[in-house]
Protein backbone atom coordinates (compact mmCIF):
# COMPACT_ATOMS: atom_id res chain seq x y z
CA MET A 1 -3.76 -5.95 16.69
CA LYS A 2 -4.59 -6.93 13.12
CA THR A 3 -3.70 -3.39 11.94
CA PHE A 4 -0.34 -3.55 13.70
CA PHE A 5 0.40 -6.96 12.19
CA SER A 6 -0.46 -5.71 8.75
CA LEU A 7 1.59 -2.56 9.12
CA VAL A 8 4.68 -4.46 10.26
CA ASN A 9 4.26 -6.97 7.41
CA PHE A 10 3.82 -4.17 4.92
CA VAL A 11 6.91 -2.27 6.04
CA VAL A 12 9.11 -5.37 6.20
CA GLY A 13 7.82 -6.52 2.81
CA LEU A 14 8.47 -3.16 1.20
CA LEU A 15 12.00 -2.94 2.63
CA SER A 16 12.70 -6.47 1.52
CA LEU A 17 11.45 -5.76 -2.00
CA LEU A 18 13.63 -2.65 -2.24
CA THR A 19 16.69 -4.59 -1.01
CA GLY A 20 15.97 -7.41 -3.48
CA VAL A 21 15.56 -5.13 -6.47
CA GLY A 22 18.77 -3.31 -5.48
CA ASN A 23 20.65 -6.60 -5.31
CA VAL A 24 19.35 -7.77 -8.67
CA LEU A 25 20.05 -4.47 -10.42
CA PHE A 26 23.42 -3.61 -8.94
CA HIS A 27 24.93 -7.04 -8.45
CA SER A 28 23.74 -8.62 -11.71
CA ASN A 29 27.35 -9.53 -12.63
CA ASN A 30 27.61 -11.66 -9.44
CA PRO A 31 25.32 -14.72 -9.51
CA THR A 32 25.22 -14.98 -5.71
CA GLY A 33 24.06 -11.38 -5.36
CA ALA A 34 21.38 -11.93 -7.98
CA VAL A 35 20.11 -15.07 -6.25
CA ALA A 36 20.05 -13.25 -2.92
CA GLY A 37 18.12 -10.46 -4.59
CA TRP A 38 15.48 -12.86 -5.98
CA VAL A 39 15.16 -14.51 -2.58
CA ALA A 40 14.67 -11.11 -0.97
CA ILE A 41 12.02 -10.25 -3.56
CA LEU A 42 10.21 -13.51 -2.87
CA VAL A 43 10.29 -12.87 0.91
CA GLY A 44 9.06 -9.29 0.36
CA ALA A 45 6.21 -10.46 -1.84
CA THR A 46 5.23 -13.01 0.82
CA PHE A 47 5.15 -10.35 3.53
CA LEU A 48 3.08 -8.04 1.37
CA TRP A 49 0.69 -10.89 0.62
CA LEU A 50 0.36 -11.59 4.35
CA ALA A 51 -0.33 -7.91 5.03
CA THR A 52 -3.07 -7.72 2.44
CA GLN A 53 -4.65 -10.96 3.56
CA ALA A 54 -4.74 -9.79 7.15
CA MET A 55 -6.22 -6.40 6.31
CA PHE A 56 -8.84 -7.54 3.81
CA SER A 57 -10.01 -10.72 5.46
CA SER A 58 -13.65 -10.74 6.37
CA ALA A 59 -14.83 -10.12 9.97
CA LYS A 60 -16.10 -13.71 10.33
CA ASN A 61 -12.51 -15.03 10.08
CA ASN A 62 -11.48 -13.24 13.32
């Protein structure tokens, strides 16, 4: 179950990072699009952090 949780978090985080970078790069002339991009990058980084913490946590934390 931990592997599935990490995989889902990794995929969602990666897609969120890609969406955020796209918003920041392509909507940089619109402040709302840039803010939405930075929020998506923050959410993506959080999901990736959760995925790495779940995969690399020690066995005694189960």
